[in-house]
C-alpha atoms as a PDB file:
ATOM      1  CA  MET A   1      -7.373  -9.053 -19.757  1.00  0.00           C
ATOM      2  CA  LYS A   2      -4.048  -9.511 -21.785  1.00  0.00           C
ATOM      3  CA  TYR A   3      -1.823  -6.704 -22.534  1.00  0.00           C
ATOM      4  CA  LEU A   4       0.609  -6.434 -25.399  1.00  0.00           C
ATOM      5  CA  PHE A   5       3.813  -4.474 -24.655  1.00  0.00           C
ATOM      6  CA  ASN A   6       4.463  -1.169 -26.644  1.00  0.00           C
ATOM      7  CA  GLN A   7       7.688  -1.855 -28.975  1.00  0.00           C
ATOM      8  CA  THR A   8       9.328   0.126 -25.865  1.00  0.00           C
ATOM      9  CA  TYR A   9       9.161  -2.970 -23.791  1.00  0.00           C
ATOM     10  CA  MET A  10       9.944  -5.646 -25.600  1.00  0.00           C
ATOM     11  CA  LYS A  11      13.130  -6.258 -23.667  1.00  0.00           C
ATOM     12  CA  LYS A  12      12.721  -7.626 -20.441  1.00  0.00           C
ATOM     13  CA  ILE A  13      10.846  -5.744 -17.847  1.00  0.00           C
ATOM     14  CA  LYS A  14      13.277  -5.264 -14.903  1.00  0.00           C
ATOM     15  CA  ILE A  15      11.538  -5.274 -11.597  1.00  0.00           C
ATOM     16  CA  LEU A  16      12.760  -4.075  -8.010  1.00  0.00           C
ATOM     17  CA  ILE A  17      11.081  -5.565  -5.314  1.00  0.00           C
ATOM     18  CA  ILE A  18      10.895  -3.478  -1.903  1.00  0.00           C
ATOM     19  CA  ASP A  19       9.704  -5.378   0.939  1.00  0.00           C
ATOM     20  CA  ASP A  20      10.462  -5.803   4.886  1.00  0.00           C
ATOM     21  CA  HIS A  21       9.620  -9.449   4.798  1.00  0.00           C
ATOM     22  CA  ALA A  22      12.687 -11.428   2.737  1.00  0.00           C
ATOM     23  CA  LEU A  23      10.485 -14.345   2.078  1.00  0.00           C
ATOM     24  CA  VAL A  24       7.892 -12.535   0.993  1.00  0.00           C
ATOM     25  CA  GLY A  25      10.417 -10.675  -1.134  1.00  0.00           C
ATOM     26  CA  GLN A  26      11.709 -14.144  -2.538  1.00  0.00           C
ATOM     27  CA  ALA A  27       8.725 -15.773  -3.033  1.00  0.00           C
ATOM     28  CA  TRP A  28       7.568 -12.965  -5.337  1.00  0.00           C
ATOM     29  CA  LYS A  29      10.751 -12.999  -7.354  1.00  0.00           C
ATOM     30  CA  LEU A  30      10.063 -16.697  -7.864  1.00  0.00           C
ATOM     31  CA  ILE A  31       6.932 -15.966  -9.160  1.00  0.00           C
ATOM     32  CA  LEU A  32       7.256 -12.879 -11.261  1.00  0.00           C
ATOM     33  CA  GLU A  33      10.105 -14.637 -13.317  1.00  0.00           C
ATOM     34  CA  ALA A  34       8.259 -17.317 -13.800  1.00  0.00           C
ATOM     35  CA  ASP A  35       6.925 -14.868 -16.476  1.00  0.00           C
ATOM     36  CA  LYS A  36       9.683 -14.789 -19.643  1.00  0.00           C
ATOM     37  CA  GLN A  37       9.401 -11.192 -19.810  1.00  0.00           C
ATOM     38  CA  MET A  38       9.995 -10.368 -16.654  1.00  0.00           C
ATOM     39  CA  GLU A  39      13.921 -10.167 -14.774  1.00  0.00           C
ATOM     40  CA  VAL A  40      13.991  -8.979 -10.627  1.00  0.00           C
ATOM     41  CA  ALA A  41      17.024  -6.835 -10.600  1.00  0.00           C
ATOM     42  CA  GLY A  42      16.985  -7.089  -6.768  1.00  0.00           C
ATOM     43  CA  VAL A  43      14.828  -7.867  -3.529  1.00  0.00           C
ATOM     44  CA  VAL A  44      15.807  -5.155  -0.965  1.00  0.00           C
ATOM     45  CA  ASN A  45      14.506  -3.641   2.338  1.00  0.00           C
ATOM     46  CA  GLY A  46      15.237  -0.275   3.856  1.00  0.00           C
ATOM     47  CA  VAL A  47      16.167   3.240   1.879  1.00  0.00           C
ATOM     48  CA  ASP A  48      19.500   3.071   1.674  1.00  0.00           C
ATOM     49  CA  ALA A  49      19.723  -0.689  -0.276  1.00  0.00           C
ATOM     50  CA  THR A  50      16.581   0.708  -2.655  1.00  0.00           C
ATOM     51  CA  LEU A  51      18.369   4.146  -3.579  1.00  0.00           C
ATOM     52  CA  GLU A  52      21.930   2.469  -3.871  1.00  0.00           C
ATOM     53  CA  LEU A  53      20.077  -0.540  -6.335  1.00  0.00           C
ATOM     54  CA  LEU A  54      18.300   2.424  -8.193  1.00  0.00           C
ATOM     55  CA  ASN A  55      21.170   4.553  -8.800  1.00  0.00           C
ATOM     56  CA  LYS A  56      23.459   1.482  -9.846  1.00  0.00           C
ATOM     57  CA  THR A  57      20.981  -0.527 -11.946  1.00  0.00           C
ATOM     58  CA  PRO A  58      18.377   0.373 -14.606  1.00  0.00           C
ATOM     59  CA  VAL A  59      14.709  -0.597 -13.360  1.00  0.00           C
ATOM     60  CA  ASP A  60      11.790  -0.498 -15.109  1.00  0.00           C
ATOM     61  CA  ILE A  61       9.074  -0.837 -12.400  1.00  0.00           C
ATOM     62  CA  VAL A  62       8.978  -1.000  -8.373  1.00  0.00           C
ATOM     63  CA  LEU A  63       7.165  -3.596  -6.528  1.00  0.00           C
ATOM     64  CA  LEU A  64       6.605  -1.646  -3.151  1.00  0.00           C
ATOM     65  CA  ASP A  65       5.234  -2.818   0.049  1.00  0.00           C
ATOM     66  CA  ILE A  66       3.892   0.174   1.821  1.00  0.00           C
ATOM     67  CA  ASN A  67       3.700  -1.016   5.375  1.00  0.00           C
ATOM     68  CA  MET A  68       7.412  -0.621   6.203  1.00  0.00           C
ATOM     69  CA  GLN A  69       9.681   0.770   8.941  1.00  0.00           C
ATOM     70  CA  PRO A  70      11.581   3.497   9.424  1.00  0.00           C
ATOM     71  CA  ILE A  71       9.707   4.890   6.718  1.00  0.00           C
ATOM     72  CA  SER A  72       6.143   4.315   5.256  1.00  0.00           C
ATOM     73  CA  GLY A  73       5.701   3.069   1.374  1.00  0.00           C
ATOM     74  CA  PHE A  74       4.099   6.455   1.146  1.00  0.00           C
ATOM     75  CA  GLU A  75       7.551   8.214   1.755  1.00  0.00           C
ATOM     76  CA  MET A  76       9.486   5.793   0.064  1.00  0.00           C
ATOM     77  CA  ALA A  77       7.216   6.362  -3.280  1.00  0.00           C
ATOM     78  CA  GLU A  78       7.866   9.995  -2.816  1.00  0.00           C
ATOM     79  CA  LEU A  79      11.781   9.402  -2.645  1.00  0.00           C
ATOM     80  CA  ILE A  80      11.859   7.063  -5.693  1.00  0.00           C
ATOM     81  CA  LYS A  81       9.701   9.418  -8.116  1.00  0.00           C
ATOM     82  CA  LYS A  82      12.018  12.109  -6.978  1.00  0.00           C
ATOM     83  CA  LEU A  83      15.209  10.415  -7.524  1.00  0.00           C
ATOM     84  CA  LYS A  84      14.127   8.472 -11.024  1.00  0.00           C
ATOM     85  CA  PRO A  85      10.713  10.163 -11.952  1.00  0.00           C
ATOM     86  CA  ALA A  86      10.637   7.415 -14.933  1.00  0.00           C
ATOM     87  CA  VAL A  87      10.402   4.506 -12.972  1.00  0.00           C
ATOM     88  CA  LYS A  88       6.733   2.992 -12.587  1.00  0.00           C
ATOM     89  CA  ILE A  89       5.680   2.012  -9.388  1.00  0.00           C
ATOM     90  CA  LEU A  90       3.032  -0.702  -8.385  1.00  0.00           C
ATOM     91  CA  ALA A  91       2.186  -0.682  -4.712  1.00  0.00           C
ATOM     92  CA  VAL A  92       1.266  -3.421  -2.814  1.00  0.00           C
ATOM     93  CA  SER A  93      -0.541  -3.972   0.806  1.00  0.00           C
ATOM     94  CA  MET A  94      -2.403  -6.072   3.167  1.00  0.00           C
ATOM     95  CA  HIS A  95      -4.918  -2.542   3.651  1.00  0.00           C
ATOM     96  CA  ASP A  96      -7.477  -1.782   0.966  1.00  0.00           C
ATOM     97  CA  GLN A  97      -9.066   1.074   2.339  1.00  0.00           C
ATOM     98  CA  PRO A  98     -10.002   3.421  -0.537  1.00  0.00           C
ATOM     99  CA  ALA A  99      -8.035   6.373   1.368  1.00  0.00           C
ATOM    100  CA  VAL A 100      -4.840   4.563   1.576  1.00  0.00           C
ATOM    101  CA  VAL A 101      -5.093   3.367  -2.313  1.00  0.00           C
ATOM    102  CA  ARG A 102      -5.836   7.322  -3.147  1.00  0.00           C
ATOM    103  CA  LYS A 103      -2.785   8.554  -0.698  1.00  0.00           C
ATOM    104  CA  MET A 104      -0.431   5.990  -2.589  1.00  0.00           C
ATOM    105  CA  ILE A 105      -1.632   6.972  -5.845  1.00  0.00           C
ATOM    106  CA  LYS A 106      -1.385  10.563  -4.974  1.00  0.00           C
ATOM    107  CA  CYS A 107       2.448   9.615  -3.944  1.00  0.00           C
ATOM    108  CA  GLY A 108       3.548   8.715  -7.204  1.00  0.00           C
ATOM    109  CA  ALA A 109       2.382   5.130  -7.419  1.00  0.00           C
ATOM    110  CA  ASN A 110       0.803   3.960 -11.015  1.00  0.00           C
ATOM    111  CA  GLY A 111      -1.104   0.794  -9.565  1.00  0.00           C
ATOM    112  CA  PHE A 112      -2.439  -0.492  -6.404  1.00  0.00           C
ATOM    113  CA  VAL A 113      -2.793  -4.456  -5.729  1.00  0.00           C
ATOM    114  CA  SER A 114      -3.698  -6.421  -2.431  1.00  0.00           C
ATOM    115  CA  LYS A 115      -0.944  -8.827  -0.796  1.00  0.00           C
ATOM    116  CA  ASN A 116      -3.795 -11.113  -1.253  1.00  0.00           C
ATOM    117  CA  ALA A 117      -3.618 -10.977  -5.174  1.00  0.00           C
ATOM    118  CA  ARG A 118      -3.495 -14.216  -7.342  1.00  0.00           C
ATOM    119  CA  LYS A 119      -0.330 -14.374  -9.179  1.00  0.00           C
ATOM    120  CA  GLU A 120      -1.749 -13.560 -12.491  1.00  0.00           C
ATOM    121  CA  GLU A 121      -3.198 -10.661 -11.103  1.00  0.00           C
ATOM    122  CA  MET A 122       0.057  -9.444 -10.168  1.00  0.00           C
ATOM    123  CA  THR A 123       1.751  -9.781 -13.807  1.00  0.00           C
ATOM    124  CA  GLU A 124      -1.707  -8.499 -15.261  1.00  0.00           C
ATOM    125  CA  ALA A 125      -1.041  -5.205 -13.119  1.00  0.00           C
ATOM    126  CA  ILE A 126       2.771  -5.134 -14.228  1.00  0.00           C
ATOM    127  CA  HIS A 127       1.562  -5.900 -17.920  1.00  0.00           C
ATOM    128  CA  ALA A 128      -1.040  -2.812 -17.651  1.00  0.00           C
ATOM    129  CA  ILE A 129       1.505  -0.410 -16.107  1.00  0.00           C
ATOM    130  CA  MET A 130       4.327  -0.728 -18.276  1.00  0.00           C
ATOM    131  CA  ASN A 131       1.666  -0.013 -20.843  1.00  0.00           C
ATOM    132  CA  ASN A 132       1.054   3.453 -19.434  1.00  0.00           C
ATOM    133  CA  LYS A 133      -2.088   1.979 -17.757  1.00  0.00           C
ATOM    134  CA  ARG A 134      -2.872   2.579 -14.314  1.00  0.00           C
ATOM    135  CA  PHE A 135      -4.115  -0.863 -12.497  1.00  0.00           C
ATOM    136  CA  ILE A 136      -6.150  -1.094  -9.255  1.00  0.00           C
ATOM    137  CA  SER A 137      -7.430  -4.287  -7.918  1.00  0.00           C
ATOM    138  CA  ALA A 138     -11.139  -5.175  -9.055  1.00  0.00           C
ATOM    139  CA  ASP A 139     -11.666  -5.634  -5.175  1.00  0.00           C
ATOM    140  CA  ILE A 140     -10.276  -2.060  -4.510  1.00  0.00           C
ATOM    141  CA  GLN A 141     -12.283  -0.614  -7.076  1.00  0.00           C
ATOM    142  CA  GLN A 142     -15.400  -1.584  -5.999  1.00  0.00           C
ATOM    143  CA  LYS A 143     -14.642  -0.194  -2.298  1.00  0.00           C
ATOM    144  CA  LEU A 144     -13.634   2.816  -4.413  1.00  0.00           C
ATOM    145  CA  ALA A 145     -17.289   2.956  -6.136  1.00  0.00           C
ATOM    146  CA  ASP A 146     -18.953   2.506  -3.042  1.00  0.00           C
ATOM    147  CA  GLU A 147     -17.073   5.120  -0.799  1.00  0.00           C
ATOM    148  CA  LEU A 148     -18.748   7.689  -3.742  1.00  0.00           C
ATOM    149  CA  MET A 149     -21.941   6.387  -2.672  1.00  0.00           C
ATOM    150  CA  VAL A 150     -21.488   7.575   0.935  1.00  0.00           C
ATOM    151  CA  GLU A 151     -23.267  10.862   2.091  1.00  0.00           C
ATOM    152  CA  GLY A 152     -21.938  14.346   2.659  1.00  0.00           C
ATOM    153  CA  GLY A 153     -21.151  14.138   6.056  1.00  0.00           C
ATOM    154  CA  GLN A 154     -20.037  10.499   6.414  1.00  0.00           C
ATOM    155  CA  GLU A 155     -18.249  10.727   3.216  1.00  0.00           C
ATOM    156  CA  ALA A 156     -16.198  13.810   4.712  1.00  0.00           C
ATOM    157  CA  GLN A 157     -15.293  11.686   7.819  1.00  0.00           C
ATOM    158  CA  THR A 158     -14.129   8.807   5.837  1.00  0.00           C
ATOM    159  CA  ASN A 159     -11.988  11.086   4.168  1.00  0.00           C
ATOM    160  CA  GLY A 160     -10.111  11.431   7.500  1.00  0.00           C
ATOM    161  CA  PHE A 161      -8.968   8.042   6.849  1.00  0.00           C
ATOM    162  CA  SER A 162      -6.445   9.362   4.399  1.00  0.00           C
ATOM    163  CA  LYS A 163      -4.576  11.256   6.656  1.00  0.00           C
ATOM    164  CA  LEU A 164      -3.621   8.331   9.183  1.00  0.00           C
ATOM    165  CA  THR A 165      -0.064   6.710   9.531  1.00  0.00           C
ATOM    166  CA  GLU A 166       0.357   3.100   8.832  1.00  0.00           C
ATOM    167  CA  LYS A 167       0.474   2.067  12.524  1.00  0.00           C
ATOM    168  CA  GLU A 168      -2.782   4.075  13.092  1.00  0.00           C
ATOM    169  CA  LEU A 169      -4.296   1.662  10.791  1.00  0.00           C
ATOM    170  CA  GLU A 170      -2.918  -1.136  12.438  1.00  0.00           C
ATOM    171  CA  ILE A 171      -4.193   0.275  15.793  1.00  0.00           C
ATOM    172  CA  LEU A 172      -7.996   1.006  14.205  1.00  0.00           C
ATOM    173  CA  LYS A 173      -7.896  -2.358  12.920  1.00  0.00           C
ATOM    174  CA  MET A 174      -7.120  -3.530  16.533  1.00  0.00           C
ATOM    175  CA  VAL A 175      -9.968  -1.286  18.106  1.00  0.00           C
ATOM    176  CA  LYS A 176     -12.441  -2.650  15.392  1.00  0.00           C
ATOM    177  CA  SER A 177     -11.322  -6.251  16.716  1.00  0.00           C
ATOM    178  CA  GLY A 178     -12.337  -5.152  20.422  1.00  0.00           C
ATOM    179  CA  LEU A 179      -8.820  -5.337  21.708  1.00  0.00           C
ATOM    180  CA  THR A 180      -7.677  -2.840  24.739  1.00  0.00           C
ATOM    181  CA  SER A 181      -5.007  -0.632  24.199  1.00  0.00           C
ATOM    182  CA  LYS A 182      -2.531  -2.812  26.581  1.00  0.00           C
ATOM    183  CA  GLU A 183      -3.347  -5.885  24.402  1.00  0.00           C
ATOM    184  CA  ALA A 184      -2.548  -3.909  21.456  1.00  0.00           C
ATOM    185  CA  ALA A 185       0.739  -2.681  23.253  1.00  0.00           C
ATOM    186  CA  GLU A 186       1.749  -6.082  23.407  1.00  0.00           C
ATOM    187  CA  HIS A 187       0.641  -7.264  19.915  1.00  0.00           C
ATOM    188  CA  LEU A 188       2.674  -4.316  18.696  1.00  0.00           C
ATOM    189  CA  ASN A 189       5.702  -4.355  20.637  1.00  0.00           C
ATOM    190  CA  ILE A 190       5.160  -0.867  21.888  1.00  0.00           C
ATOM    191  CA  SER A 191       4.349   1.082  25.295  1.00  0.00           C
ATOM    192  CA  PHE A 192       0.638   1.394  26.395  1.00  0.00           C
ATOM    193  CA  LYS A 193       1.583   5.114  26.458  1.00  0.00           C
ATOM    194  CA  THR A 194       2.343   5.156  22.604  1.00  0.00           C
ATOM    195  CA  VAL A 195      -0.719   3.296  22.259  1.00  0.00           C
ATOM    196  CA  GLN A 196      -2.638   5.828  23.917  1.00  0.00           C
ATOM    197  CA  VAL A 197      -1.507   8.430  21.997  1.00  0.00           C
ATOM    198  CA  HIS A 198      -2.152   6.769  18.753  1.00  0.00           C
ATOM    199  CA  ARG A 199      -5.684   6.478  19.470  1.00  0.00           C
ATOM    200  CA  HIS A 200      -6.184  10.235  20.392  1.00  0.00           C
ATOM    201  CA  ASN A 201      -4.528  11.002  17.305  1.00  0.00           C
ATOM    202  CA  ILE A 202      -7.063   8.741  15.333  1.00  0.00           C
ATOM    203  CA  LEU A 203     -10.133  10.707  17.217  1.00  0.00           C
ATOM    204  CA  LYS A 204      -8.976  13.589  16.515  1.00  0.00           C
ATOM    205  CA  LYS A 205      -8.310  13.090  13.028  1.00  0.00           C
ATOM    206  CA  LEU A 206     -11.587  11.252  12.288  1.00  0.00           C
ATOM    207  CA  GLN A 207     -13.442  14.067  14.436  1.00  0.00           C
ATOM    208  CA  GLN A 208     -15.004  11.367  16.844  1.00  0.00           C
ATOM    209  CA  LYS A 209     -15.798  11.949  20.340  1.00  0.00           C
ATOM    210  CA  ASN A 210     -15.018   8.739  22.007  1.00  0.00           C
ATOM    211  CA  THR A 211     -14.513   5.265  21.228  1.00  0.00           C
ATOM    212  CA  ALA A 212     -17.955   4.246  20.764  1.00  0.00           C
ATOM    213  CA  SER A 213     -18.555   6.905  18.086  1.00  0.00           C
ATOM    214  CA  LEU A 214     -15.634   5.425  16.618  1.00  0.00           C
ATOM    215  CA  LEU A 215     -16.786   1.851  16.332  1.00  0.00           C
ATOM    216  CA  LYS A 216     -19.790   3.300  14.725  1.00  0.00           C
ATOM    217  CA  LEU A 217     -17.861   5.253  11.732  1.00  0.00           C
ATOM    218  CA  LEU A 218     -15.856   2.164  11.144  1.00  0.00           C
ATOM    219  CA  ASN A 219     -19.145  -0.197  11.056  1.00  0.00           C
ATOM    220  CA  ASP A 220     -21.231   2.816   9.109  1.00  0.00           C
ATOM    221  CA  THR A 221     -18.369   2.899   6.703  1.00  0.00           C
ATOM    222  CA  ASN A 222     -17.419  -1.174   6.492  1.00  0.00           C
ATOM    223  CA  PHE A 223     -13.781  -0.541   7.564  1.00  0.00           C
ATOM    224  CA  THR A 224     -11.607  -3.097   6.791  1.00  0.00           C
ATOM    225  CA  VAL A 225      -7.735  -3.485   6.759  1.00  0.00           C
END
């Protein structure tokens, strides 16, 4: 679907890209600037660089990776909205769980697309948001619809995913893949004890007694990240 601009945005759309990975950010810059109506004002990483650019340069929309350190994309979105309420936010993430999407929208995002999105979908999302529409990738919309069909008790447990941090979601993915705490610690370059603490918190937030019941919940809810 093609979106026409409101007259307010006949000028170029100025975009700020926030991504922990410089190469990814530069790749998006090249893709987006192929659209003559778009101009990338900067590619940054971290709170200080983001706030400095936002204070100095007019920006219409922020392309925000939610899997960031040391603060998450959720916290970054809240900071951006507090500093520049008029700036629109398009969240980009490898996580497509409905709970994650809802949490990001609650934090101020105007749209959400997967990092696997085609370039056409990304530009469509930007145009839609600039026309004051909310944009969520079609595959994520389907997951949101599927979740509404989950029965009461299971739905309540599924909603617990929104309480998980980015790191907990990463570890949850590894649990489902069959990795041990030791293997997860090595993969994430953190201590074994830290992984154990995260796993304990995951069980508590999702109201599960042990790993076996957690895996059943993940399978029943088709959990994927």
